[in-house]
Amino acid sequence: MLFWACILWVFAATIVAMLPMRRQYVPGVALLAVAPLLILWIGISVAWWAGVLALAAFISMFRNPLRYFWAKARGQNPHLPKELRE
C-alpha cells in the first residue's frame, strides 16, 4: 500500500508541475499538506533513514513554497511570482 501511495503522489506531483504556474497553487498546497504524512509513513514502515531521505527530497522539491510559508510565519511579506499576483 505504501508503494502505491508513493507512486500516486509522484504522478500527481508530475501532473501539477506541468500545469501553468497560476493553476499549480491549489493542487500544490494539497501535495504539500499530504507529503509529511507520507514521509512519516515511510519512516515508520521502512526505516528512519528512508524517512530522512524522503524528507530531504521533499524539502528540495518544495523549497520555494516552504520559504514563502516560513517568511509568512515570521511576519514578513515575501515576494510572489508575477503569475500568482494576478
C-alpha atoms as a PDB file:
ATOM      1  CA  MET A   1       0.000   0.000   0.000  1.00  0.00           C
ATOM      2  CA  LEU A   2       2.829   2.391   0.839  1.00  0.00           C
ATOM      3  CA  PHE A   3       4.423   1.769  -2.544  1.00  0.00           C
ATOM      4  CA  TRP A   4       1.227   2.673  -4.414  1.00  0.00           C
ATOM      5  CA  ALA A   5       0.642   5.756  -2.268  1.00  0.00           C
ATOM      6  CA  CYS A   6       4.159   6.968  -3.104  1.00  0.00           C
ATOM      7  CA  ILE A   7       3.681   6.257  -6.815  1.00  0.00           C
ATOM      8  CA  LEU A   8       0.351   8.109  -6.805  1.00  0.00           C
ATOM      9  CA  TRP A   9       1.925  11.122  -5.059  1.00  0.00           C
ATOM     10  CA  VAL A  10       4.797  11.217  -7.585  1.00  0.00           C
ATOM     11  CA  PHE A  11       2.440  11.085 -10.570  1.00  0.00           C
ATOM     12  CA  ALA A  12       0.220  13.759  -9.023  1.00  0.00           C
ATOM     13  CA  ALA A  13       3.266  15.988  -8.430  1.00  0.00           C
ATOM     14  CA  THR A  14       4.396  15.463 -12.021  1.00  0.00           C
ATOM     15  CA  ILE A  15       0.991  16.402 -13.401  1.00  0.00           C
ATOM     16  CA  VAL A  16       0.825  19.506 -11.188  1.00  0.00           C
ATOM     17  CA  ALA A  17       4.300  20.543 -12.343  1.00  0.00           C
ATOM     18  CA  MET A  18       3.070  20.505 -15.954  1.00  0.00           C
ATOM     19  CA  LEU A  19       0.241  22.945 -15.195  1.00  0.00           C
ATOM     20  CA  PRO A  20       0.634  26.681 -15.769  1.00  0.00           C
ATOM     21  CA  MET A  21       2.045  28.444 -12.697  1.00  0.00           C
ATOM     22  CA  ARG A  22      -1.205  30.076 -11.583  1.00  0.00           C
ATOM     23  CA  ARG A  23      -3.019  26.719 -11.708  1.00  0.00           C
ATOM     24  CA  GLN A  24      -0.382  24.924  -9.632  1.00  0.00           C
ATOM     25  CA  TYR A  25      -1.240  26.660  -6.374  1.00  0.00           C
ATOM     26  CA  VAL A  26      -4.251  24.683  -5.082  1.00  0.00           C
ATOM     27  CA  PRO A  27      -3.087  21.172  -6.025  1.00  0.00           C
ATOM     28  CA  GLY A  28       0.462  22.077  -4.985  1.00  0.00           C
ATOM     29  CA  VAL A  29      -0.711  23.050  -1.499  1.00  0.00           C
ATOM     30  CA  ALA A  30      -2.639  19.780  -1.291  1.00  0.00           C
ATOM     31  CA  LEU A  31       0.506  17.837  -2.209  1.00  0.00           C
ATOM     32  CA  LEU A  32       2.463  19.931   0.282  1.00  0.00           C
ATOM     33  CA  ALA A  33      -0.025  19.035   3.031  1.00  0.00           C
ATOM     34  CA  VAL A  34      -0.082  15.299   2.256  1.00  0.00           C
ATOM     35  CA  ALA A  35       3.696  14.890   1.934  1.00  0.00           C
ATOM     36  CA  PRO A  36       4.557  14.966   5.673  1.00  0.00           C
ATOM     37  CA  LEU A  37       2.053  12.168   6.323  1.00  0.00           C
ATOM     38  CA  LEU A  38       3.572  10.107   3.525  1.00  0.00           C
ATOM     39  CA  ILE A  39       7.097  10.814   4.813  1.00  0.00           C
ATOM     40  CA  LEU A  40       6.082   9.743   8.323  1.00  0.00           C
ATOM     41  CA  TRP A  41       4.547   6.578   6.898  1.00  0.00           C
ATOM     42  CA  ILE A  42       7.785   5.838   5.029  1.00  0.00           C
ATOM     43  CA  GLY A  43       9.846   6.441   8.178  1.00  0.00           C
ATOM     44  CA  ILE A  44       7.675   4.118  10.258  1.00  0.00           C
ATOM     45  CA  SER A  45       7.195   1.358   7.667  1.00  0.00           C
ATOM     46  CA  VAL A  46      10.646   1.214   6.083  1.00  0.00           C
ATOM     47  CA  ALA A  47      13.332   2.767   8.285  1.00  0.00           C
ATOM     48  CA  TRP A  48      14.172   6.102   9.874  1.00  0.00           C
ATOM     49  CA  TRP A  49      16.882   6.781   7.289  1.00  0.00           C
ATOM     50  CA  ALA A  50      14.384   6.273   4.445  1.00  0.00           C
ATOM     51  CA  GLY A  51      12.165   8.844   6.103  1.00  0.00           C
ATOM     52  CA  VAL A  52      15.102  11.256   6.307  1.00  0.00           C
ATOM     53  CA  LEU A  53      15.850  10.738   2.605  1.00  0.00           C
ATOM     54  CA  ALA A  54      12.186  11.322   1.756  1.00  0.00           C
ATOM     55  CA  LEU A  55      12.222  14.492   3.871  1.00  0.00           C
ATOM     56  CA  ALA A  56      15.326  15.747   2.052  1.00  0.00           C
ATOM     57  CA  ALA A  57      13.653  15.118  -1.323  1.00  0.00           C
ATOM     58  CA  PHE A  58      10.504  16.889  -0.131  1.00  0.00           C
ATOM     59  CA  ILE A  59      12.439  19.946   1.046  1.00  0.00           C
ATOM     60  CA  SER A  60      14.346  20.026  -2.233  1.00  0.00           C
ATOM     61  CA  MET A  61      11.193  19.904  -4.364  1.00  0.00           C
ATOM     62  CA  PHE A  62       9.151  22.350  -2.306  1.00  0.00           C
ATOM     63  CA  ARG A  63      11.903  24.763  -1.282  1.00  0.00           C
ATOM     64  CA  ASN A  64      10.233  27.875  -2.721  1.00  0.00           C
ATOM     65  CA  PRO A  65       6.768  27.306  -1.210  1.00  0.00           C
ATOM     66  CA  LEU A  66       8.399  26.368   2.094  1.00  0.00           C
ATOM     67  CA  ARG A  67      10.451  29.594   2.027  1.00  0.00           C
ATOM     68  CA  TYR A  68       7.277  31.556   1.334  1.00  0.00           C
ATOM     69  CA  PHE A  69       5.325  29.968   4.203  1.00  0.00           C
ATOM     70  CA  TRP A  70       8.326  30.334   6.542  1.00  0.00           C
ATOM     71  CA  ALA A  71       8.573  34.049   5.731  1.00  0.00           C
ATOM     72  CA  LYS A  72       4.814  34.479   6.227  1.00  0.00           C
ATOM     73  CA  ALA A  73       5.031  32.695   9.590  1.00  0.00           C
ATOM     74  CA  ARG A  74       7.746  35.150  10.677  1.00  0.00           C
ATOM     75  CA  GLY A  75       5.556  38.131   9.730  1.00  0.00           C
ATOM     76  CA  GLN A  76       7.439  39.121   6.589  1.00  0.00           C
ATOM     77  CA  ASN A  77       5.873  39.978   3.240  1.00  0.00           C
ATOM     78  CA  PRO A  78       7.547  37.622   0.738  1.00  0.00           C
ATOM     79  CA  HIS A  79       7.609  38.317  -2.993  1.00  0.00           C
ATOM     80  CA  LEU A  80       5.215  36.287  -5.140  1.00  0.00           C
ATOM     81  CA  PRO A  81       5.872  35.484  -8.804  1.00  0.00           C
ATOM     82  CA  LYS A  82       4.015  37.724 -11.249  1.00  0.00           C
ATOM     83  CA  GLU A  83       1.815  34.815 -12.373  1.00  0.00           C
ATOM     84  CA  LEU A  84       0.399  34.371  -8.876  1.00  0.00           C
ATOM     85  CA  ARG A  85      -0.246  38.074  -8.169  1.00  0.00           C
ATOM     86  CA  GLU A  86      -2.926  38.445 -10.850  1.00  0.00           C
END
